[in-house]
Amino acid sequence: GIDGDVFIIGGAEIYSTFLHRLDELLVSWVHEKHPGDTRFPAFEDRFSKPEIIESHADFEVRRYLNSQPH
């Protein structure tokens, strides 16, 4: 097994593969729109309501906990 924290840093296919195995999810929410064709996979049904752990004028960091055992 792996001891300690493991961080997964995308892309979308990698997130989709591992999303169900995460204990927590840290997401940076940028408060403005940007062009792009890739979206983060749906996760809200598996995770708790977010805790905002960092807040700035342009973005915030939200922490979600996995609400379903894996």
C-alpha atoms as a PDB file:
ATOM      1  CA  GLY A   1       0.000   0.000   0.000  1.00  0.00           C
ATOM      2  CA  ILE A   2       0.829   3.642  -0.155  1.00  0.00           C
ATOM      3  CA  ASP A   3       1.486   5.555   3.044  1.00  0.00           C
ATOM      4  CA  GLY A   4       0.642   9.248   3.180  1.00  0.00           C
ATOM      5  CA  ASP A   5      -1.254  11.510   0.812  1.00  0.00           C
ATOM      6  CA  VAL A   6      -1.494  10.954  -2.922  1.00  0.00           C
ATOM      7  CA  PHE A   7      -2.470  13.836  -5.206  1.00  0.00           C
ATOM      8  CA  ILE A   8      -3.996  13.365  -8.655  1.00  0.00           C
ATOM      9  CA  ILE A   9      -3.594  16.235 -11.081  1.00  0.00           C
ATOM     10  CA  GLY A  10      -5.750  15.600 -14.219  1.00  0.00           C
ATOM     11  CA  GLY A  11      -6.729  15.520 -17.045  1.00  0.00           C
ATOM     12  CA  ALA A  12     -10.407  14.687 -17.259  1.00  0.00           C
ATOM     13  CA  GLU A  13      -9.940  10.985 -18.067  1.00  0.00           C
ATOM     14  CA  ILE A  14      -7.618  10.470 -15.095  1.00  0.00           C
ATOM     15  CA  TYR A  15     -10.069  12.272 -12.788  1.00  0.00           C
ATOM     16  CA  SER A  16     -12.925  10.070 -14.033  1.00  0.00           C
ATOM     17  CA  THR A  17     -10.876   6.942 -13.402  1.00  0.00           C
ATOM     18  CA  PHE A  18      -9.995   7.771  -9.793  1.00  0.00           C
ATOM     19  CA  LEU A  19     -12.897   9.941  -8.594  1.00  0.00           C
ATOM     20  CA  HIS A  20     -14.706   7.067  -6.844  1.00  0.00           C
ATOM     21  CA  ARG A  21     -11.557   6.204  -4.840  1.00  0.00           C
ATOM     22  CA  LEU A  22     -10.892   9.642  -3.386  1.00  0.00           C
ATOM     23  CA  ASP A  23     -11.420  10.422   0.302  1.00  0.00           C
ATOM     24  CA  GLU A  24     -11.475  14.137  -0.375  1.00  0.00           C
ATOM     25  CA  LEU A  25     -11.426  16.473  -3.311  1.00  0.00           C
ATOM     26  CA  LEU A  26      -9.804  19.928  -3.413  1.00  0.00           C
ATOM     27  CA  VAL A  27     -11.185  22.068  -6.230  1.00  0.00           C
ATOM     28  CA  SER A  28     -10.141  25.563  -7.302  1.00  0.00           C
ATOM     29  CA  TRP A  29     -13.209  27.502  -8.464  1.00  0.00           C
ATOM     30  CA  VAL A  30     -12.305  30.434 -10.713  1.00  0.00           C
ATOM     31  CA  HIS A  31     -14.945  33.187 -10.656  1.00  0.00           C
ATOM     32  CA  GLU A  32     -14.776  34.037 -14.342  1.00  0.00           C
ATOM     33  CA  LYS A  33     -15.515  32.177 -17.552  1.00  0.00           C
ATOM     34  CA  HIS A  34     -12.759  30.829 -19.782  1.00  0.00           C
ATOM     35  CA  PRO A  35     -13.069  29.135 -23.161  1.00  0.00           C
ATOM     36  CA  GLY A  36     -12.437  25.425 -23.246  1.00  0.00           C
ATOM     37  CA  ASP A  37     -13.870  22.107 -24.323  1.00  0.00           C
ATOM     38  CA  THR A  38     -12.976  19.911 -21.326  1.00  0.00           C
ATOM     39  CA  ARG A  39     -14.997  19.776 -18.148  1.00  0.00           C
ATOM     40  CA  PHE A  40     -14.367  18.175 -14.773  1.00  0.00           C
ATOM     41  CA  PRO A  41     -16.515  15.026 -14.381  1.00  0.00           C
ATOM     42  CA  ALA A  42     -19.688  15.185 -12.276  1.00  0.00           C
ATOM     43  CA  PHE A  43     -18.894  14.486  -8.642  1.00  0.00           C
ATOM     44  CA  GLU A  44     -21.486  16.290  -6.515  1.00  0.00           C
ATOM     45  CA  ASP A  45     -23.644  13.174  -5.941  1.00  0.00           C
ATOM     46  CA  ARG A  46     -20.689  11.346  -4.344  1.00  0.00           C
ATOM     47  CA  PHE A  47     -19.255  14.161  -2.206  1.00  0.00           C
ATOM     48  CA  SER A  48     -20.454  16.344   0.678  1.00  0.00           C
ATOM     49  CA  LYS A  49     -21.300  20.020   0.421  1.00  0.00           C
ATOM     50  CA  PRO A  50     -18.038  21.945   0.125  1.00  0.00           C
ATOM     51  CA  GLU A  51     -16.063  23.668   2.818  1.00  0.00           C
ATOM     52  CA  ILE A  52     -14.402  26.824   1.481  1.00  0.00           C
ATOM     53  CA  ILE A  53     -10.851  26.611   2.765  1.00  0.00           C
ATOM     54  CA  GLU A  54      -9.400  29.571   0.874  1.00  0.00           C
ATOM     55  CA  SER A  55     -11.130  32.595  -0.659  1.00  0.00           C
ATOM     56  CA  HIS A  56      -9.761  35.308  -2.946  1.00  0.00           C
ATOM     57  CA  ALA A  57     -11.272  37.921  -5.249  1.00  0.00           C
ATOM     58  CA  ASP A  58     -10.709  35.782  -8.375  1.00  0.00           C
ATOM     59  CA  PHE A  59     -11.020  32.230  -7.032  1.00  0.00           C
ATOM     60  CA  GLU A  60     -11.664  30.009  -4.039  1.00  0.00           C
ATOM     61  CA  VAL A  61     -10.530  26.555  -2.996  1.00  0.00           C
ATOM     62  CA  ARG A  62     -13.283  24.162  -1.947  1.00  0.00           C
ATOM     63  CA  ARG A  63     -12.848  20.919  -0.029  1.00  0.00           C
ATOM     64  CA  TYR A  64     -15.325  18.083  -0.575  1.00  0.00           C
ATOM     65  CA  LEU A  65     -15.415  14.829   1.423  1.00  0.00           C
ATOM     66  CA  ASN A  66     -16.420  11.531  -0.164  1.00  0.00           C
ATOM     67  CA  SER A  67     -19.819  10.628   1.301  1.00  0.00           C
ATOM     68  CA  GLN A  68     -19.832   7.092  -0.139  1.00  0.00           C
ATOM     69  CA  PRO A  69     -17.518   4.327   1.037  1.00  0.00           C
ATOM     70  CA  HIS A  70     -15.129   2.980  -1.578  1.00  0.00           C
END
